[in-house]
Amino acid sequence: MTDEPQIQNALPSRALRVSEVEKLIRSSDEYLVWPSSILTDEAGHKEVVTLLLNTGEHVHAVGFDPEKETWVGFEKWDVEGDEFNREKTNERIQEWVGEHHEDVVSHSSYDLEEE
């Protein structure tokens, strides 16, 4: 992605705790931010591993890649038109999570229509 949101560069080199994402949502003035995947490990700890960032023109999907130990952009949709579709977006996110987080015990997605 050539026009990745700058917020992506400010994310730590690990998955985010739910409380960190809540703080990010409240403090973000430039973008609408919402978590799209919350994973639960065997110990019951919850981590956010994908975020959707709405810049006004595009919605960017970014995810934490544990092999690279960084957040990467893996999809972008235009806000206008039919390109940004809840079902297709969730499918793409679940596909990416499955490819990069194989040891996950459970996976929840936020309902994008309610956000």
Protein backbone atom coordinates (compact mmCIF):
# COMPACT_ATOMS: atom_id res chain seq x y z
CA MET A 1 0.00 0.00 0.00
CA THR A 2 1.43 3.33 -0.92
CA ASP A 3 -0.91 5.56 1.09
CA GLU A 4 -0.88 3.69 4.40
CA PRO A 5 -2.21 5.68 7.33
CA GLN A 6 0.53 7.15 9.51
CA ILE A 7 -1.06 5.65 12.62
CA GLN A 8 0.19 2.26 11.46
CA ASN A 9 3.79 3.42 12.00
CA ALA A 10 3.00 4.35 15.62
CA LEU A 11 1.74 0.90 16.59
CA PRO A 12 3.99 -1.26 18.80
CA SER A 13 5.76 -4.35 17.47
CA ARG A 14 3.21 -6.66 19.07
CA ALA A 15 -0.53 -7.27 19.08
CA LEU A 16 -2.57 -4.74 21.04
CA ARG A 17 -4.45 -5.23 24.27
CA VAL A 18 -8.15 -4.38 24.08
CA SER A 19 -7.61 -1.44 26.47
CA GLU A 20 -4.92 -0.03 24.15
CA VAL A 21 -7.29 -0.14 21.20
CA GLU A 22 -10.03 1.56 23.22
CA LYS A 23 -7.56 4.34 24.05
CA LEU A 24 -6.52 4.56 20.39
CA ILE A 25 -10.16 4.88 19.31
CA ARG A 26 -10.76 7.73 21.77
CA SER A 27 -7.56 9.59 20.88
CA SER A 28 -7.57 9.30 17.08
CA ASP A 29 -8.49 12.61 15.48
CA GLU A 30 -7.41 11.79 11.93
CA TYR A 31 -9.01 8.38 11.39
CA LEU A 32 -11.94 6.32 12.45
CA VAL A 33 -10.37 3.26 14.05
CA TRP A 34 -12.01 0.02 15.05
CA PRO A 35 -10.74 -3.43 15.93
CA SER A 36 -11.78 -6.17 13.57
CA SER A 37 -10.19 -9.28 15.09
CA ILE A 38 -9.74 -10.16 18.73
CA LEU A 39 -7.90 -13.38 19.44
CA THR A 40 -7.93 -15.38 22.66
CA ASP A 41 -4.89 -17.48 23.53
CA GLU A 42 -4.87 -20.67 25.60
CA ALA A 43 -4.48 -18.66 28.81
CA GLY A 44 -7.57 -16.61 27.98
CA HIS A 45 -5.72 -13.37 27.17
CA LYS A 46 -7.36 -11.26 24.49
CA GLU A 47 -5.34 -9.46 21.83
CA VAL A 48 -6.38 -7.30 18.91
CA VAL A 49 -4.51 -8.41 15.79
CA THR A 50 -6.36 -6.53 13.02
CA LEU A 51 -7.67 -3.00 12.81
CA LEU A 52 -9.70 -1.15 10.24
CA LEU A 53 -8.73 2.48 9.68
CA ASN A 54 -11.10 4.79 7.82
CA THR A 55 -9.26 7.78 6.35
CA GLY A 56 -12.34 9.25 4.69
CA GLU A 57 -11.39 8.07 1.21
CA HIS A 58 -10.29 4.52 2.01
CA VAL A 59 -10.71 1.86 4.64
CA HIS A 60 -7.39 0.17 5.36
CA ALA A 61 -7.07 -3.24 6.98
CA VAL A 62 -3.88 -3.60 9.00
CA GLY A 63 -2.81 -6.63 10.94
CA PHE A 64 -0.07 -7.67 13.29
CA ASP A 65 2.27 -10.09 11.54
CA PRO A 66 3.97 -12.16 14.26
CA GLU A 67 6.75 -13.38 11.93
CA LYS A 68 7.75 -9.85 10.93
CA GLU A 69 6.89 -8.47 14.39
CA THR A 70 5.21 -5.46 12.85
CA TRP A 71 1.81 -4.19 11.70
CA VAL A 72 1.28 -4.54 7.96
CA GLY A 73 -1.35 -3.25 5.59
CA PHE A 74 -3.03 -6.16 3.83
CA GLU A 75 -6.10 -4.67 2.14
CA LYS A 76 -7.59 -1.34 1.14
CA TRP A 77 -11.10 -0.49 -0.02
CA ASP A 78 -12.60 2.69 -1.44
CA VAL A 79 -15.21 4.18 0.88
CA GLU A 80 -17.37 5.19 -2.08
CA GLY A 81 -19.25 2.61 -4.12
CA ASP A 82 -19.72 -1.10 -3.50
CA GLU A 83 -16.07 -1.95 -2.86
CA PHE A 84 -16.33 -1.73 0.96
CA ASN A 85 -18.75 -4.50 1.83
CA ARG A 86 -19.19 -5.91 5.34
CA GLU A 87 -19.35 -9.57 4.34
CA LYS A 88 -16.40 -9.44 1.94
CA THR A 89 -14.39 -7.38 4.41
CA ASN A 90 -14.94 -9.88 7.23
CA GLU A 91 -14.07 -12.77 4.90
CA ARG A 92 -10.80 -11.12 3.86
CA ILE A 93 -9.88 -10.35 7.48
CA GLN A 94 -10.61 -13.91 8.62
CA GLU A 95 -8.54 -15.25 5.72
CA TRP A 96 -5.57 -13.04 6.70
CA VAL A 97 -5.86 -13.95 10.39
CA GLY A 98 -5.94 -17.65 9.51
CA GLU A 99 -2.76 -17.28 7.44
CA HIS A 100 -0.83 -15.38 10.14
CA HIS A 101 -2.23 -16.59 13.46
CA GLU A 102 -2.62 -20.35 13.17
CA ASP A 103 -2.30 -21.02 16.91
CA VAL A 104 -5.40 -19.04 17.83
CA VAL A 105 -7.92 -20.64 20.16
CA SER A 106 -10.82 -18.36 19.23
CA HIS A 107 -11.42 -15.45 16.90
CA SER A 108 -14.10 -12.77 17.15
CA SER A 109 -14.91 -10.09 14.64
CA TYR A 110 -16.63 -6.84 15.38
CA ASP A 111 -19.88 -6.37 13.51
CA LEU A 112 -18.97 -3.61 11.09
CA GLU A 113 -22.59 -2.54 10.59
CA GLU A 114 -22.90 -1.67 14.26
CA GLU A 115 -19.63 0.28 14.50
